């Protein structure tokens, strides 16, 4: 399937989890759209697509942990049943981002 069609589905599923209200807006991140991770975008300031993806993945994993902690079950069916107030409760500590490596330099 086309990456754009897949991203349409991903964006819709993230909306069901209130990603915009609980993750993106509080951190000042741009709203996701179907082209966000499928092509290079110029983001404000020093923000990169990788940093947004990293925080998104971290947030989604915290939902899974919250679900497991609340039910004692590790599977994910019914994540939407987690009350939104529980998911967004409390600030999430910032995660250090590795320094950027200039293009053309050896690693």
Protein backbone atom coordinates (compact mmCIF):
# COMPACT_ATOMS: atom_id res chain seq x y z
CA UNK A 1 0.00 0.00 0.00
CA UNK A 2 0.97 3.59 -0.57
CA UNK A 3 2.76 5.28 2.36
CA UNK A 4 0.24 8.11 2.15
CA UNK A 5 -2.70 5.72 2.57
CA UNK A 6 -0.98 4.06 5.53
CA UNK A 7 -0.32 7.45 7.12
CA UNK A 8 -3.99 8.41 6.63
CA UNK A 9 -4.89 5.38 8.75
CA UNK A 10 -2.19 6.14 11.32
CA UNK A 11 -3.33 9.76 11.70
CA UNK A 12 -6.96 8.65 12.17
CA UNK A 13 -5.97 6.12 14.83
CA UNK A 14 -3.88 8.72 16.65
CA UNK A 15 -6.89 11.05 16.67
CA UNK A 16 -8.89 8.31 18.41
CA UNK A 17 -6.22 8.33 21.14
CA UNK A 18 -6.40 12.16 21.46
CA UNK A 19 -2.77 12.44 20.38
CA UNK A 20 -3.20 16.07 19.31
CA UNK A 21 -4.56 17.19 22.67
CA UNK A 22 -2.41 15.01 24.93
CA UNK A 23 0.95 15.00 23.15
CA UNK A 24 1.37 17.35 20.20
CA UNK A 25 -0.17 20.64 21.37
CA UNK A 26 1.26 20.56 24.93
CA UNK A 27 4.78 20.15 23.50
CA UNK A 28 4.29 22.69 20.71
CA UNK A 29 4.72 20.06 18.00
CA UNK A 30 3.04 20.52 14.61
CA UNK A 31 -0.08 18.48 13.95
CA UNK A 32 0.50 15.27 12.04
CA UNK A 33 -0.79 14.79 8.51
CA UNK A 34 -0.48 12.06 5.92
CA UNK A 35 2.81 13.40 4.54
CA UNK A 36 4.48 14.04 7.91
CA UNK A 37 6.69 10.94 8.03
CA UNK A 38 6.68 10.06 4.32
CA UNK A 39 8.73 13.00 3.03
CA UNK A 40 11.22 15.52 4.34
CA UNK A 41 9.59 18.53 6.00
CA UNK A 42 11.01 21.79 7.33
CA UNK A 43 9.89 22.09 10.94
CA UNK A 44 10.12 25.17 13.15
CA UNK A 45 13.34 25.78 15.03
CA UNK A 46 15.65 22.85 15.67
CA UNK A 47 12.82 20.31 15.75
CA UNK A 48 13.25 17.25 13.51
CA UNK A 49 10.81 14.65 12.27
CA UNK A 50 12.82 12.03 14.14
CA UNK A 51 12.32 13.86 17.44
CA UNK A 52 8.55 14.02 16.84
CA UNK A 53 8.52 10.31 15.91
CA UNK A 54 10.59 9.43 18.99
CA UNK A 55 8.24 11.29 21.34
CA UNK A 56 5.21 9.79 19.60
CA UNK A 57 6.59 6.26 19.96
CA UNK A 58 7.48 6.94 23.60
CA UNK A 59 3.96 8.25 24.26
CA UNK A 60 2.35 5.23 22.59
CA UNK A 61 4.51 2.87 24.66
CA UNK A 62 3.46 4.73 27.81
CA UNK A 63 -0.16 4.00 26.84
CA UNK A 64 0.69 0.32 26.59
CA UNK A 65 2.42 0.41 29.98
CA UNK A 66 -0.53 2.22 31.53
CA UNK A 67 -2.88 -0.37 30.04
CA UNK A 68 -0.75 -3.21 31.41
CA UNK A 69 -0.47 -1.58 34.84
CA UNK A 70 -4.24 -0.99 35.04
CA UNK A 71 -5.30 -4.44 33.85
CA UNK A 72 -2.33 -6.68 34.50
CA UNK A 73 -2.63 -7.79 30.89
CA UNK A 74 0.02 -7.12 28.27
CA UNK A 75 -2.17 -7.20 25.17
CA UNK A 76 -3.50 -4.05 23.56
CA UNK A 77 -7.09 -4.67 22.40
CA UNK A 78 -9.22 -1.89 23.83
CA UNK A 79 -6.54 0.73 24.42
CA UNK A 80 -9.26 3.26 23.64
CA UNK A 81 -10.93 2.26 26.92
CA UNK A 82 -8.19 4.01 28.91
CA UNK A 83 -9.66 7.25 30.27
CA UNK A 84 -8.07 10.23 28.55
CA UNK A 85 -7.50 11.89 31.94
CA UNK A 86 -5.25 9.00 33.00
CA UNK A 87 -3.20 9.06 29.80
CA UNK A 88 -2.39 12.75 29.93
CA UNK A 89 -1.94 12.97 33.69
CA UNK A 90 1.31 14.56 34.74
CA UNK A 91 4.14 15.89 32.66
CA UNK A 92 6.41 13.52 30.81
CA UNK A 93 10.07 14.15 31.47
CA UNK A 94 12.00 15.38 28.44
CA UNK A 95 14.11 12.77 26.75
CA UNK A 96 17.66 13.62 25.77
CA UNK A 97 18.14 13.59 22.02
CA UNK A 98 21.51 12.47 20.71
CA UNK A 99 23.58 15.24 19.13
CA UNK A 100 23.30 15.69 15.39
CA UNK A 101 26.13 14.32 13.31
CA UNK A 102 27.10 16.66 10.47
CA UNK A 103 26.55 15.22 7.01
CA UNK A 104 29.66 13.75 5.51
CA UNK A 105 31.41 13.07 8.83
CA UNK A 106 32.44 9.56 9.76
CA UNK A 107 30.66 7.90 12.69
